[in-house]
Amino acid sequence: MQVKAVFFARLKRELGQGELTLDAPAGVTVRQLATQIEAAHGLSLRGCMVAVNETYATPEQVVEAGDEVAFLPPVAGGSGEVAAVHTGVGEAPLSLEAADRFLVRPQYGAQAYFVGTVRSPNQGKDVTFIEYEGYAPLARRVMQDAAAAAQERHGELRVYIEHRTGRLTPGEASILIGVASPHRRAALEACDFLIEYLKVEVPVWKREGDEDGEHWVTGQTGHETL
């Protein structure tokens, strides 16, 4: 059977391409498919997370014919809207005005925002740029899951989340999180919850340029890895 394997961040660059079409035996698991790729292409997938058809998967999940299997390095921590949630991943600049238009409603007396920007210096070194790469379909799904978890914890909320991709320079905004709630405390706590959730879960990677050259920023993962 044939399956599609897709790669992001350092994996894509080491492989020299972003996807492969693979012939694999019926009943193959994600882990076995990873071993096949490593043997054929000399690519180390150790420590990577995996998504099958845009949903996080375990290494023991069985892959079916026609599946898309995405190999994701630990994350460095198009738009869509579902109910009271807006999510976006793309190269367009982030806008607080757009977030306001979505969040501000007469019944919500509080709005809380978090804006993350490219920092320089970082760890004592001058940063010239950070290049963000994301797996957009899964990132939007993770953002929607995060918003649902925040609503379950903190009650009635409107949630706005956008993450930029592409090359950004110091001072440019890379992520914008906004929460609207009838009450101040819920808005503040939900915004903080979303920040912590997304920095581990959302599949976005960072390649940083500084005075020592270019390097991938060490990531982290909240999922089982290969």
Protein backbone atom coordinates (compact mmCIF):
# COMPACT_ATOMS: atom_id res chain seq x y z
CA MET A 1 0.00 0.00 0.00
CA GLN A 2 1.04 3.62 -0.42
CA VAL A 3 1.14 6.29 2.28
CA LYS A 4 2.25 9.90 2.25
CA ALA A 5 4.90 11.04 4.72
CA VAL A 6 5.39 14.77 5.34
CA PHE A 7 8.23 16.50 7.19
CA PHE A 8 8.75 19.87 8.83
CA ALA A 9 11.49 22.18 10.09
CA ARG A 10 14.94 20.49 10.36
CA LEU A 11 13.58 17.21 8.98
CA LYS A 12 12.48 18.81 5.71
CA ARG A 13 15.85 20.48 5.28
CA GLU A 14 17.85 17.38 6.12
CA LEU A 15 15.78 15.30 3.71
CA GLY A 16 15.85 17.96 1.00
CA GLN A 17 12.10 17.80 0.43
CA GLY A 18 8.90 18.12 2.40
CA GLU A 19 7.15 14.86 1.54
CA LEU A 20 7.60 11.30 0.34
CA THR A 21 5.25 8.72 -1.15
CA LEU A 22 6.11 5.38 0.43
CA ASP A 23 5.31 1.76 -0.33
CA ALA A 24 4.64 0.03 2.98
CA PRO A 25 3.22 -3.35 4.01
CA ALA A 26 -0.36 -3.62 5.26
CA GLY A 27 -0.58 -3.33 9.03
CA VAL A 28 2.55 -1.21 9.36
CA THR A 29 2.74 0.94 12.49
CA VAL A 30 3.96 4.50 12.71
CA ARG A 31 7.13 3.30 14.43
CA GLN A 32 7.82 0.72 11.70
CA LEU A 33 7.24 3.34 9.02
CA ALA A 34 9.70 5.65 10.77
CA THR A 35 12.29 2.86 10.84
CA GLN A 36 11.76 2.30 7.12
CA ILE A 37 12.30 6.01 6.41
CA GLU A 38 15.41 6.17 8.58
CA ALA A 39 16.95 3.17 6.82
CA ALA A 40 16.17 4.44 3.31
CA HIS A 41 17.05 8.11 3.76
CA GLY A 42 19.52 8.32 6.63
CA LEU A 43 17.18 10.63 8.55
CA SER A 44 16.94 10.40 12.35
CA LEU A 45 13.34 10.59 13.57
CA ARG A 46 14.17 9.84 17.19
CA GLY A 47 12.30 12.14 19.58
CA CYS A 48 9.82 13.29 16.93
CA MET A 49 6.07 13.45 17.42
CA VAL A 50 3.77 12.04 14.78
CA ALA A 51 0.36 12.99 13.40
CA VAL A 52 -1.77 10.76 11.19
CA ASN A 53 -4.30 12.59 9.05
CA GLU A 54 -3.74 15.82 11.04
CA THR A 55 -4.30 14.22 14.45
CA TYR A 56 -1.54 13.41 16.95
CA ALA A 57 -0.83 9.68 16.99
CA THR A 58 1.18 7.17 19.03
CA PRO A 59 4.12 5.25 17.56
CA GLU A 60 2.07 2.03 17.73
CA GLN A 61 -0.86 3.32 15.66
CA VAL A 62 -1.47 1.27 12.53
CA VAL A 63 -1.26 3.20 9.27
CA GLU A 64 -3.83 2.63 6.51
CA ALA A 65 -3.45 2.98 2.75
CA GLY A 66 -3.67 6.62 1.68
CA ASP A 67 -2.95 8.02 5.15
CA GLU A 68 -0.84 11.15 5.60
CA VAL A 69 1.78 10.65 8.30
CA ALA A 70 3.49 13.82 9.52
CA PHE A 71 6.79 13.67 11.41
CA LEU A 72 7.15 16.63 13.76
CA PRO A 73 10.24 17.74 15.68
CA PRO A 74 9.49 18.97 19.22
CA VAL A 75 7.77 22.31 18.84
CA ALA A 76 9.33 25.63 19.83
CA GLY A 77 7.37 27.33 22.18
CA GLY A 78 -5.29 30.05 6.33
CA SER A 79 -7.48 30.88 9.31
CA GLY A 80 -10.60 29.31 10.65
CA GLU A 81 -13.43 30.10 13.03
CA VAL A 82 -15.53 27.69 15.07
CA ALA A 83 -18.35 29.17 17.18
CA ALA A 84 -16.73 31.75 19.48
CA VAL A 85 -13.18 30.78 18.47
CA HIS A 86 -10.96 32.26 15.76
CA THR A 87 -7.67 30.62 14.79
CA GLY A 88 -5.10 31.52 12.17
CA VAL A 89 -1.68 30.42 10.97
CA GLY A 90 0.07 32.30 8.17
CA GLU A 91 2.46 35.00 7.03
CA ALA A 92 0.15 38.03 7.39
CA PRO A 93 1.07 40.51 10.16
CA LEU A 94 -0.92 40.12 13.38
CA SER A 95 -3.49 42.77 14.26
CA LEU A 96 -4.81 43.78 17.67
CA GLU A 97 -7.55 45.70 15.89
CA ALA A 98 -8.74 42.50 14.19
CA ALA A 99 -8.69 40.72 17.54
CA ASP A 100 -10.74 43.53 19.08
CA ARG A 101 -13.33 43.30 16.33
CA PHE A 102 -13.76 39.60 17.05
CA LEU A 103 -13.64 39.72 20.85
CA VAL A 104 -15.42 42.86 21.96
CA ARG A 105 -19.14 42.24 22.60
CA PRO A 106 -21.55 44.06 24.92
CA GLN A 107 -21.93 41.01 27.18
CA TYR A 108 -18.16 40.64 27.71
CA GLY A 109 -16.77 43.13 30.20
CA ALA A 110 -13.14 41.98 30.01
CA GLN A 111 -10.59 41.32 27.29
CA ALA A 112 -7.09 39.96 27.97
CA TYR A 113 -4.31 39.80 25.39
CA PHE A 114 -0.89 38.23 25.02
CA VAL A 115 1.44 39.27 22.20
CA GLY A 116 4.74 37.43 21.74
CA THR A 117 7.46 39.24 19.79
CA VAL A 118 10.90 38.32 18.51
CA ARG A 119 13.44 39.16 21.22
CA SER A 120 17.00 40.42 20.83
CA PRO A 121 19.36 39.86 22.47
CA ASN A 122 18.49 36.29 23.39
CA GLN A 123 20.75 34.35 25.76
CA GLY A 124 23.31 37.12 25.39
CA LYS A 125 23.43 37.02 21.59
CA ASP A 126 22.07 39.53 19.10
CA VAL A 127 19.26 37.99 17.06
CA THR A 128 18.85 39.07 13.44
CA PHE A 129 15.74 37.03 12.62
CA ILE A 130 13.59 34.06 13.55
CA GLU A 131 12.04 31.96 10.82
CA TYR A 132 8.81 30.25 11.89
CA GLU A 133 7.57 27.11 10.17
CA GLY A 134 4.22 25.50 11.04
CA TYR A 135 2.06 22.52 10.20
CA ALA A 136 -0.99 24.71 9.67
CA PRO A 137 -3.88 22.17 9.56
CA LEU A 138 -2.78 20.51 12.80
CA ALA A 139 -1.85 23.85 14.40
CA ARG A 140 -5.37 25.19 13.85
CA ARG A 141 -6.86 22.01 15.30
CA VAL A 142 -4.60 22.28 18.36
CA MET A 143 -5.61 25.93 18.79
CA GLN A 144 -9.29 24.98 18.66
CA ASP A 145 -8.71 22.20 21.21
CA ALA A 146 -6.90 24.69 23.46
CA ALA A 147 -9.78 27.14 23.21
CA ALA A 148 -12.28 24.39 24.04
CA ALA A 149 -10.23 23.41 27.09
CA ALA A 150 -10.09 27.05 28.23
CA GLN A 151 -13.86 27.38 27.84
CA GLU A 152 -14.40 24.20 29.84
CA ARG A 153 -12.20 25.54 32.66
CA HIS A 154 -13.29 29.17 32.70
CA GLY A 155 -16.82 29.24 31.35
CA GLU A 156 -18.22 31.49 28.65
CA LEU A 157 -15.36 32.90 26.54
CA ARG A 158 -14.52 34.20 23.10
CA VAL A 159 -11.00 33.19 22.00
CA TYR A 160 -8.74 34.62 19.29
CA ILE A 161 -5.44 32.89 18.43
CA GLU A 162 -3.12 33.62 15.52
CA HIS A 163 0.49 32.57 14.87
CA ARG A 164 2.70 34.01 12.15
CA THR A 165 4.99 31.97 9.96
CA GLY A 166 7.88 33.10 7.82
CA ARG A 167 10.90 35.26 8.67
CA LEU A 168 10.42 37.88 11.40
CA THR A 169 12.87 40.41 12.79
CA PRO A 170 13.26 41.64 16.39
CA GLY A 171 10.19 43.48 17.62
CA GLU A 172 7.77 41.82 15.19
CA ALA A 173 4.85 39.90 16.70
CA SER A 174 4.83 36.14 16.19
CA ILE A 175 1.77 35.11 18.24
CA LEU A 176 -1.39 36.87 19.40
CA ILE A 177 -3.78 35.37 21.94
CA GLY A 178 -6.92 37.19 23.03
CA VAL A 179 -9.71 36.17 25.38
CA ALA A 180 -13.01 37.91 26.12
CA SER A 181 -15.11 37.03 29.17
CA PRO A 182 -17.87 38.59 31.23
CA HIS A 183 -15.36 38.90 34.10
CA ARG A 184 -11.72 40.01 34.43
CA ARG A 185 -10.30 37.06 36.37
CA ALA A 186 -11.56 34.44 33.90
CA ALA A 187 -10.14 36.39 30.94
CA LEU A 188 -6.71 36.73 32.55
CA GLU A 189 -6.49 33.13 33.72
CA ALA A 190 -7.75 31.72 30.42
CA CYS A 191 -5.19 33.77 28.49
CA ASP A 192 -2.39 32.42 30.69
CA PHE A 193 -3.72 28.87 30.28
CA LEU A 194 -3.68 29.22 26.49
CA ILE A 195 -0.10 30.52 26.45
CA GLU A 196 1.15 27.52 28.44
CA TYR A 197 -0.90 25.03 26.42
CA LEU A 198 0.16 26.29 23.01
CA LYS A 199 3.89 26.61 23.67
CA VAL A 200 4.01 22.82 24.14
CA GLU A 201 1.29 21.61 21.77
CA VAL A 202 1.15 23.80 18.68
CA PRO A 203 3.36 22.44 15.85
CA VAL A 204 5.42 25.53 15.04
CA TRP A 205 9.23 25.52 14.87
CA LYS A 206 11.78 28.32 15.06
CA ARG A 207 15.03 28.74 13.17
CA GLU A 208 17.01 31.57 14.71
CA GLY A 209 19.70 33.69 13.11
CA ASP A 210 22.18 35.29 15.50
CA GLU A 211 25.83 36.28 15.69
CA ASP A 212 26.86 32.59 15.66
CA GLY A 213 24.89 31.73 12.51
CA GLU A 214 21.57 29.89 12.11
CA HIS A 215 20.18 27.11 14.29
CA TRP A 216 16.90 25.42 15.23
CA VAL A 217 15.60 26.49 18.62
CA THR A 218 15.39 23.52 20.99
CA GLY A 219 11.78 22.49 21.37
CA GLN A 220 9.63 20.52 23.77
CA THR A 221 6.82 18.01 23.47
CA GLY A 222 3.79 16.92 25.42
CA HIS A 223 3.23 13.79 23.33
CA GLU A 224 4.75 10.35 23.02
CA THR A 225 7.68 10.38 20.63
CA LEU A 226 9.52 7.93 18.41
